[in-house]
Amino acid sequence: MTKSCYFCQQKIENIDYQDTDLLNQFISGQAKIISPKRTNVCARHQRKLSKAIKKARVMGLLPFTRK
């Protein structure tokens, strides 16, 4: 199995904070950001992904925690 970034494969350059369906794939059941070792996301896209998730949380689109 080759390790390659999901965003590099799909040629997604900008990660939109409003795309909650995409962001939910990278959040665990406890609403934590999943590490890039498990998701195979490159460092550049992991930084963009975490910023988008954090912005979506502040805007109220994603939960900070789950019960």
C-alpha atoms as a PDB file:
ATOM      1  CA  MET A   1       0.000   0.000   0.000  1.00  0.00           C
ATOM      2  CA  THR A   2       1.415   3.351  -0.985  1.00  0.00           C
ATOM      3  CA  LYS A   3       1.052   6.242   1.364  1.00  0.00           C
ATOM      4  CA  SER A   4      -0.258   9.250  -0.453  1.00  0.00           C
ATOM      5  CA  CYS A   5      -2.179  12.283   0.633  1.00  0.00           C
ATOM      6  CA  TYR A   6      -5.931  12.325  -0.052  1.00  0.00           C
ATOM      7  CA  PHE A   7      -5.856  16.010  -0.991  1.00  0.00           C
ATOM      8  CA  CYS A   8      -2.862  15.582  -3.322  1.00  0.00           C
ATOM      9  CA  GLN A   9      -4.598  12.669  -5.078  1.00  0.00           C
ATOM     10  CA  GLN A  10      -7.837  14.630  -5.547  1.00  0.00           C
ATOM     11  CA  LYS A  11      -5.863  17.775  -6.474  1.00  0.00           C
ATOM     12  CA  ILE A  12      -7.643  19.801  -3.775  1.00  0.00           C
ATOM     13  CA  GLU A  13      -5.540  22.882  -3.077  1.00  0.00           C
ATOM     14  CA  ASN A  14      -7.810  24.868  -0.731  1.00  0.00           C
ATOM     15  CA  ILE A  15      -9.735  23.155   2.047  1.00  0.00           C
ATOM     16  CA  ASP A  16     -13.032  24.954   2.676  1.00  0.00           C
ATOM     17  CA  TYR A  17     -14.202  25.179   6.284  1.00  0.00           C
ATOM     18  CA  GLN A  18     -17.844  25.055   5.115  1.00  0.00           C
ATOM     19  CA  ASP A  19     -17.446  21.567   3.601  1.00  0.00           C
ATOM     20  CA  THR A  20     -18.391  19.704   6.771  1.00  0.00           C
ATOM     21  CA  ASP A  21     -18.848  16.351   5.010  1.00  0.00           C
ATOM     22  CA  LEU A  22     -15.184  16.368   4.008  1.00  0.00           C
ATOM     23  CA  LEU A  23     -13.988  17.636   7.391  1.00  0.00           C
ATOM     24  CA  ASN A  24     -15.962  14.953   9.268  1.00  0.00           C
ATOM     25  CA  GLN A  25     -13.822  12.271   7.607  1.00  0.00           C
ATOM     26  CA  PHE A  26     -10.797  13.614   9.497  1.00  0.00           C
ATOM     27  CA  ILE A  27     -12.475  13.901  12.930  1.00  0.00           C
ATOM     28  CA  SER A  28     -12.659  11.015  15.381  1.00  0.00           C
ATOM     29  CA  GLY A  29     -15.750   9.877  17.253  1.00  0.00           C
ATOM     30  CA  GLN A  30     -14.782  12.168  20.129  1.00  0.00           C
ATOM     31  CA  ALA A  31     -14.505  15.166  17.734  1.00  0.00           C
ATOM     32  CA  LYS A  32     -10.701  15.185  17.831  1.00  0.00           C
ATOM     33  CA  ILE A  33      -8.574  15.826  14.763  1.00  0.00           C
ATOM     34  CA  ILE A  34      -7.146  12.502  13.579  1.00  0.00           C
ATOM     35  CA  SER A  35      -3.353  12.377  13.283  1.00  0.00           C
ATOM     36  CA  PRO A  36      -1.764  12.424   9.827  1.00  0.00           C
ATOM     37  CA  LYS A  37      -0.174   9.030  10.532  1.00  0.00           C
ATOM     38  CA  ARG A  38      -3.631   7.445  10.449  1.00  0.00           C
ATOM     39  CA  THR A  39      -5.090   9.536   7.624  1.00  0.00           C
ATOM     40  CA  ASN A  40      -1.954   9.666   5.440  1.00  0.00           C
ATOM     41  CA  VAL A  41      -2.302  13.410   4.857  1.00  0.00           C
ATOM     42  CA  CYS A  42       0.862  15.338   3.991  1.00  0.00           C
ATOM     43  CA  ALA A  43       2.128  18.022   6.380  1.00  0.00           C
ATOM     44  CA  ARG A  44       1.059  20.946   4.182  1.00  0.00           C
ATOM     45  CA  HIS A  45      -2.507  19.708   3.863  1.00  0.00           C
ATOM     46  CA  GLN A  46      -2.661  18.676   7.529  1.00  0.00           C
ATOM     47  CA  ARG A  47      -1.976  22.292   8.522  1.00  0.00           C
ATOM     48  CA  LYS A  48      -4.695  23.540   6.173  1.00  0.00           C
ATOM     49  CA  LEU A  49      -7.059  20.818   7.378  1.00  0.00           C
ATOM     50  CA  SER A  50      -6.596  21.640  11.061  1.00  0.00           C
ATOM     51  CA  LYS A  51      -7.124  25.357  10.386  1.00  0.00           C
ATOM     52  CA  ALA A  52     -10.328  24.588   8.480  1.00  0.00           C
ATOM     53  CA  ILE A  53     -11.617  22.299  11.253  1.00  0.00           C
ATOM     54  CA  LYS A  54     -10.844  24.880  13.933  1.00  0.00           C
ATOM     55  CA  LYS A  55     -12.534  27.651  11.943  1.00  0.00           C
ATOM     56  CA  ALA A  56     -15.598  25.448  11.362  1.00  0.00           C
ATOM     57  CA  ARG A  57     -15.782  24.800  15.108  1.00  0.00           C
ATOM     58  CA  VAL A  58     -15.690  28.512  15.916  1.00  0.00           C
ATOM     59  CA  MET A  59     -18.349  29.210  13.277  1.00  0.00           C
ATOM     60  CA  GLY A  60     -20.559  26.517  14.840  1.00  0.00           C
ATOM     61  CA  LEU A  61     -20.494  24.089  11.913  1.00  0.00           C
ATOM     62  CA  LEU A  62     -18.605  21.339  13.768  1.00  0.00           C
ATOM     63  CA  PRO A  63     -18.750  20.351  17.431  1.00  0.00           C
ATOM     64  CA  PHE A  64     -15.863  20.907  19.836  1.00  0.00           C
ATOM     65  CA  THR A  65     -16.793  17.693  21.703  1.00  0.00           C
ATOM     66  CA  ARG A  66     -19.320  14.910  21.397  1.00  0.00           C
ATOM     67  CA  LYS A  67     -21.284  13.373  24.213  1.00  0.00           C
END
